[in-house]
Amino acid sequence: VSAGHYTSYSKHVVTNEWYYFNDDTVKKEAPNTDECVNEYIFFYQKR
């Protein structure tokens, strides 16, 4: 993606830990459900 500001949360399937991705920064952080009112979710699974 070439423009804009993108963030996401991802949950590790083995450790069940949440990670927050913010452009070039990654930190261990669970999502705040009060802030996630207009979010999209996609599920990807390797075949």
PDB file of N, CA and C in Angstrom:
ATOM      1  N   VAL A   1       0.853  -1.164   0.000  1.00  0.00           N
ATOM      2  CA  VAL A   1       0.000   0.000   0.000  1.00  0.00           C
ATOM      3  C   VAL A   1       0.897   1.224   0.000  1.00  0.00           C
ATOM      4  N   SER A   2       0.584   2.194  -0.836  1.00  0.00           N
ATOM      5  CA  SER A   2       1.515   3.307  -1.046  1.00  0.00           C
ATOM      6  C   SER A   2       1.121   4.611  -0.366  1.00  0.00           C
ATOM      7  N   ALA A   3      -0.042   4.701   0.225  1.00  0.00           N
ATOM      8  CA  ALA A   3      -0.434   5.976   0.828  1.00  0.00           C
ATOM      9  C   ALA A   3      -1.300   5.739   2.057  1.00  0.00           C
ATOM     10  N   GLY A   4      -1.290   6.713   2.957  1.00  0.00           N
ATOM     11  CA  GLY A   4      -2.138   6.628   4.136  1.00  0.00           C
ATOM     12  C   GLY A   4      -1.396   6.096   5.337  1.00  0.00           C
ATOM     13  N   HIS A   5      -2.137   5.918   6.397  1.00  0.00           N
ATOM     14  CA  HIS A   5      -1.587   5.417   7.662  1.00  0.00           C
ATOM     15  C   HIS A   5      -2.359   4.167   8.036  1.00  0.00           C
ATOM     16  N   TYR A   6      -1.664   3.061   8.165  1.00  0.00           N
ATOM     17  CA  TYR A   6      -2.324   1.785   8.394  1.00  0.00           C
ATOM     18  C   TYR A   6      -1.855   1.156   9.699  1.00  0.00           C
ATOM     19  N   THR A   7      -2.794   0.647  10.474  1.00  0.00           N
ATOM     20  CA  THR A   7      -2.488  -0.066  11.710  1.00  0.00           C
ATOM     21  C   THR A   7      -3.284  -1.357  11.734  1.00  0.00           C
ATOM     22  N   SER A   8      -2.798  -2.328  12.501  1.00  0.00           N
ATOM     23  CA  SER A   8      -3.547  -3.576  12.632  1.00  0.00           C
ATOM     24  C   SER A   8      -3.146  -4.293  13.910  1.00  0.00           C
ATOM     25  N   TYR A   9      -4.012  -5.190  14.329  1.00  0.00           N
ATOM     26  CA  TYR A   9      -3.746  -6.086  15.441  1.00  0.00           C
ATOM     27  C   TYR A   9      -3.726  -7.501  14.895  1.00  0.00           C
ATOM     28  N   SER A  10      -2.886  -8.328  15.481  1.00  0.00           N
ATOM     29  CA  SER A  10      -2.802  -9.722  15.073  1.00  0.00           C
ATOM     30  C   SER A  10      -2.589 -10.586  16.307  1.00  0.00           C
ATOM     31  N   LYS A  11      -3.276 -11.722  16.354  1.00  0.00           N
ATOM     32  CA  LYS A  11      -3.139 -12.638  17.490  1.00  0.00           C
ATOM     33  C   LYS A  11      -2.360 -13.865  17.042  1.00  0.00           C
ATOM     34  N   HIS A  12      -1.289 -14.164  17.757  1.00  0.00           N
ATOM     35  CA  HIS A  12      -0.451 -15.322  17.450  1.00  0.00           C
ATOM     36  C   HIS A  12      -1.228 -16.593  17.786  1.00  0.00           C
ATOM     37  N   VAL A  13      -1.304 -17.528  16.847  1.00  0.00           N
ATOM     38  CA  VAL A  13      -2.148 -18.711  17.035  1.00  0.00           C
ATOM     39  C   VAL A  13      -1.591 -19.697  18.056  1.00  0.00           C
ATOM     40  N   VAL A  14      -0.297 -19.672  18.303  1.00  0.00           N
ATOM     41  CA  VAL A  14       0.297 -20.604  19.261  1.00  0.00           C
ATOM     42  C   VAL A  14       0.334 -20.012  20.671  1.00  0.00           C
ATOM     43  N   THR A  15       0.806 -18.777  20.794  1.00  0.00           N
ATOM     44  CA  THR A  15       0.975 -18.157  22.115  1.00  0.00           C
ATOM     45  C   THR A  15      -0.258 -17.395  22.586  1.00  0.00           C
ATOM     46  N   ASN A  16      -1.194 -17.126  21.674  1.00  0.00           N
ATOM     47  CA  ASN A  16      -2.398 -16.326  21.963  1.00  0.00           C
ATOM     48  C   ASN A  16      -2.080 -14.903  22.410  1.00  0.00           C
ATOM     49  N   GLU A  17      -0.911 -14.392  22.063  1.00  0.00           N
ATOM     50  CA  GLU A  17      -0.541 -13.024  22.392  1.00  0.00           C
ATOM     51  C   GLU A  17      -0.931 -12.099  21.245  1.00  0.00           C
ATOM     52  N   TRP A  18      -1.393 -10.899  21.581  1.00  0.00           N
ATOM     53  CA  TRP A  18      -1.777  -9.898  20.596  1.00  0.00           C
ATOM     54  C   TRP A  18      -0.596  -8.996  20.271  1.00  0.00           C
ATOM     55  N   TYR A  19      -0.518  -8.567  18.999  1.00  0.00           N
ATOM     56  CA  TYR A  19       0.512  -7.638  18.550  1.00  0.00           C
ATOM     57  C   TYR A  19      -0.143  -6.499  17.783  1.00  0.00           C
ATOM     58  N   TYR A  20       0.400  -5.307  17.968  1.00  0.00           N
ATOM     59  CA  TYR A  20      -0.097  -4.103  17.306  1.00  0.00           C
ATOM     60  C   TYR A  20       0.942  -3.651  16.287  1.00  0.00           C
ATOM     61  N   PHE A  21       0.526  -3.529  15.033  1.00  0.00           N
ATOM     62  CA  PHE A  21       1.393  -3.110  13.933  1.00  0.00           C
ATOM     63  C   PHE A  21       1.002  -1.699  13.521  1.00  0.00           C
ATOM     64  N   ASN A  22       1.967  -0.782  13.545  1.00  0.00           N
ATOM     65  CA  ASN A  22       1.732   0.619  13.212  1.00  0.00           C
ATOM     66  C   ASN A  22       2.850   1.072  12.279  1.00  0.00           C
ATOM     67  N   ASP A  23       2.594   1.009  10.991  1.00  0.00           N
ATOM     68  CA  ASP A  23       3.597   1.323   9.971  1.00  0.00           C
ATOM     69  C   ASP A  23       4.868   0.512  10.211  1.00  0.00           C
ATOM     70  N   ASP A  24       5.932   1.108  10.731  1.00  0.00           N
ATOM     71  CA  ASP A  24       7.191   0.370  10.902  1.00  0.00           C
ATOM     72  C   ASP A  24       7.432  -0.067  12.342  1.00  0.00           C
ATOM     73  N   THR A  25       6.416  -0.011  13.199  1.00  0.00           N
ATOM     74  CA  THR A  25       6.555  -0.366  14.608  1.00  0.00           C
ATOM     75  C   THR A  25       5.648  -1.545  14.955  1.00  0.00           C
ATOM     76  N   VAL A  26       6.177  -2.474  15.750  1.00  0.00           N
ATOM     77  CA  VAL A  26       5.389  -3.607  16.242  1.00  0.00           C
ATOM     78  C   VAL A  26       5.589  -3.690  17.746  1.00  0.00           C
ATOM     79  N   LYS A  27       4.477  -3.817  18.486  1.00  0.00           N
ATOM     80  CA  LYS A  27       4.605  -4.009  19.928  1.00  0.00           C
ATOM     81  C   LYS A  27       3.531  -4.962  20.418  1.00  0.00           C
ATOM     82  N   LYS A  28       3.813  -5.631  21.530  1.00  0.00           N
ATOM     83  CA  LYS A  28       2.862  -6.561  22.110  1.00  0.00           C
ATOM     84  C   LYS A  28       1.785  -5.750  22.817  1.00  0.00           C
ATOM     85  N   GLU A  29       0.554  -5.810  22.289  1.00  0.00           N
ATOM     86  CA  GLU A  29      -0.547  -5.012  22.839  1.00  0.00           C
ATOM     87  C   GLU A  29      -1.872  -5.589  22.371  1.00  0.00           C
ATOM     88  N   ALA A  30      -2.784  -5.794  23.282  1.00  0.00           N
ATOM     89  CA  ALA A  30      -4.121  -6.283  22.943  1.00  0.00           C
ATOM     90  C   ALA A  30      -4.988  -5.116  22.487  1.00  0.00           C
ATOM     91  N   PRO A  31      -5.935  -5.362  21.575  1.00  0.00           N
ATOM     92  CA  PRO A  31      -6.809  -4.280  21.117  1.00  0.00           C
ATOM     93  C   PRO A  31      -7.759  -3.809  22.213  1.00  0.00           C
ATOM     94  N   ASN A  32      -8.054  -2.527  22.194  1.00  0.00           N
ATOM     95  CA  ASN A  32      -9.039  -1.931  23.095  1.00  0.00           C
ATOM     96  C   ASN A  32     -10.377  -1.968  22.365  1.00  0.00           C
ATOM     97  N   THR A  33     -11.305  -2.759  22.839  1.00  0.00           N
ATOM     98  CA  THR A  33     -12.576  -2.940  22.125  1.00  0.00           C
ATOM     99  C   THR A  33     -13.399  -1.663  22.043  1.00  0.00           C
ATOM    100  N   ASP A  34     -13.197  -0.717  22.951  1.00  0.00           N
ATOM    101  CA  ASP A  34     -13.921   0.555  22.890  1.00  0.00           C
ATOM    102  C   ASP A  34     -13.494   1.396  21.689  1.00  0.00           C
ATOM    103  N   GLU A  35     -12.265   1.211  21.223  1.00  0.00           N
ATOM    104  CA  GLU A  35     -11.749   1.988  20.099  1.00  0.00           C
ATOM    105  C   GLU A  35     -11.998   1.318  18.754  1.00  0.00           C
ATOM    106  N   CYS A  36     -12.408   0.068  18.740  1.00  0.00           N
ATOM    107  CA  CYS A  36     -12.541  -0.705  17.502  1.00  0.00           C
ATOM    108  C   CYS A  36     -13.994  -0.756  17.036  1.00  0.00           C
ATOM    109  N   VAL A  37     -14.569   0.396  16.728  1.00  0.00           N
ATOM    110  CA  VAL A  37     -15.981   0.427  16.347  1.00  0.00           C
ATOM    111  C   VAL A  37     -16.199   0.387  14.837  1.00  0.00           C
ATOM    112  N   ASN A  38     -15.229   0.789  14.046  1.00  0.00           N
ATOM    113  CA  ASN A  38     -15.366   0.800  12.583  1.00  0.00           C
ATOM    114  C   ASN A  38     -14.253  -0.002  11.925  1.00  0.00           C
ATOM    115  N   GLU A  39     -13.941  -1.124  12.473  1.00  0.00           N
ATOM    116  CA  GLU A  39     -12.806  -1.910  12.004  1.00  0.00           C
ATOM    117  C   GLU A  39     -13.249  -2.994  11.028  1.00  0.00           C
ATOM    118  N   TYR A  40     -12.299  -3.430  10.227  1.00  0.00           N
ATOM    119  CA  TYR A  40     -12.485  -4.560   9.325  1.00  0.00           C
ATOM    120  C   TYR A  40     -11.646  -5.712   9.832  1.00  0.00           C
ATOM    121  N   ILE A  41     -12.087  -6.933   9.528  1.00  0.00           N
ATOM    122  CA  ILE A  41     -11.305  -8.092   9.931  1.00  0.00           C
ATOM    123  C   ILE A  41     -11.214  -9.055   8.754  1.00  0.00           C
ATOM    124  N   PHE A  42     -10.031  -9.572   8.548  1.00  0.00           N
ATOM    125  CA  PHE A  42      -9.780 -10.545   7.496  1.00  0.00           C
ATOM    126  C   PHE A  42      -9.085 -11.744   8.122  1.00  0.00           C
ATOM    127  N   PHE A  43      -9.437 -12.935   7.669  1.00  0.00           N
ATOM    128  CA  PHE A  43      -8.788 -14.156   8.135  1.00  0.00           C
ATOM    129  C   PHE A  43      -8.052 -14.775   6.958  1.00  0.00           C
ATOM    130  N   TYR A  44      -6.785 -15.053   7.163  1.00  0.00           N
ATOM    131  CA  TYR A  44      -5.963 -15.691   6.141  1.00  0.00           C
ATOM    132  C   TYR A  44      -5.448 -17.007   6.691  1.00  0.00           C
ATOM    133  N   GLN A  45      -5.491 -18.038   5.851  1.00  0.00           N
ATOM    134  CA  GLN A  45      -4.974 -19.335   6.261  1.00  0.00           C
ATOM    135  C   GLN A  45      -4.175 -19.921   5.112  1.00  0.00           C
ATOM    136  N   LYS A  46      -2.958 -20.328   5.424  1.00  0.00           N
ATOM    137  CA  LYS A  46      -2.099 -20.930   4.412  1.00  0.00           C
ATOM    138  C   LYS A  46      -2.628 -22.314   4.068  1.00  0.00           C
ATOM    139  N   ARG A  47      -2.667 -22.628   2.784  1.00  0.00           N
ATOM    140  CA  ARG A  47      -3.154 -23.942   2.340  1.00  0.00           C
ATOM    141  C   ARG A  47      -2.007 -24.873   2.078  1.00  0.00           C
TER     142      ARG A  47
END
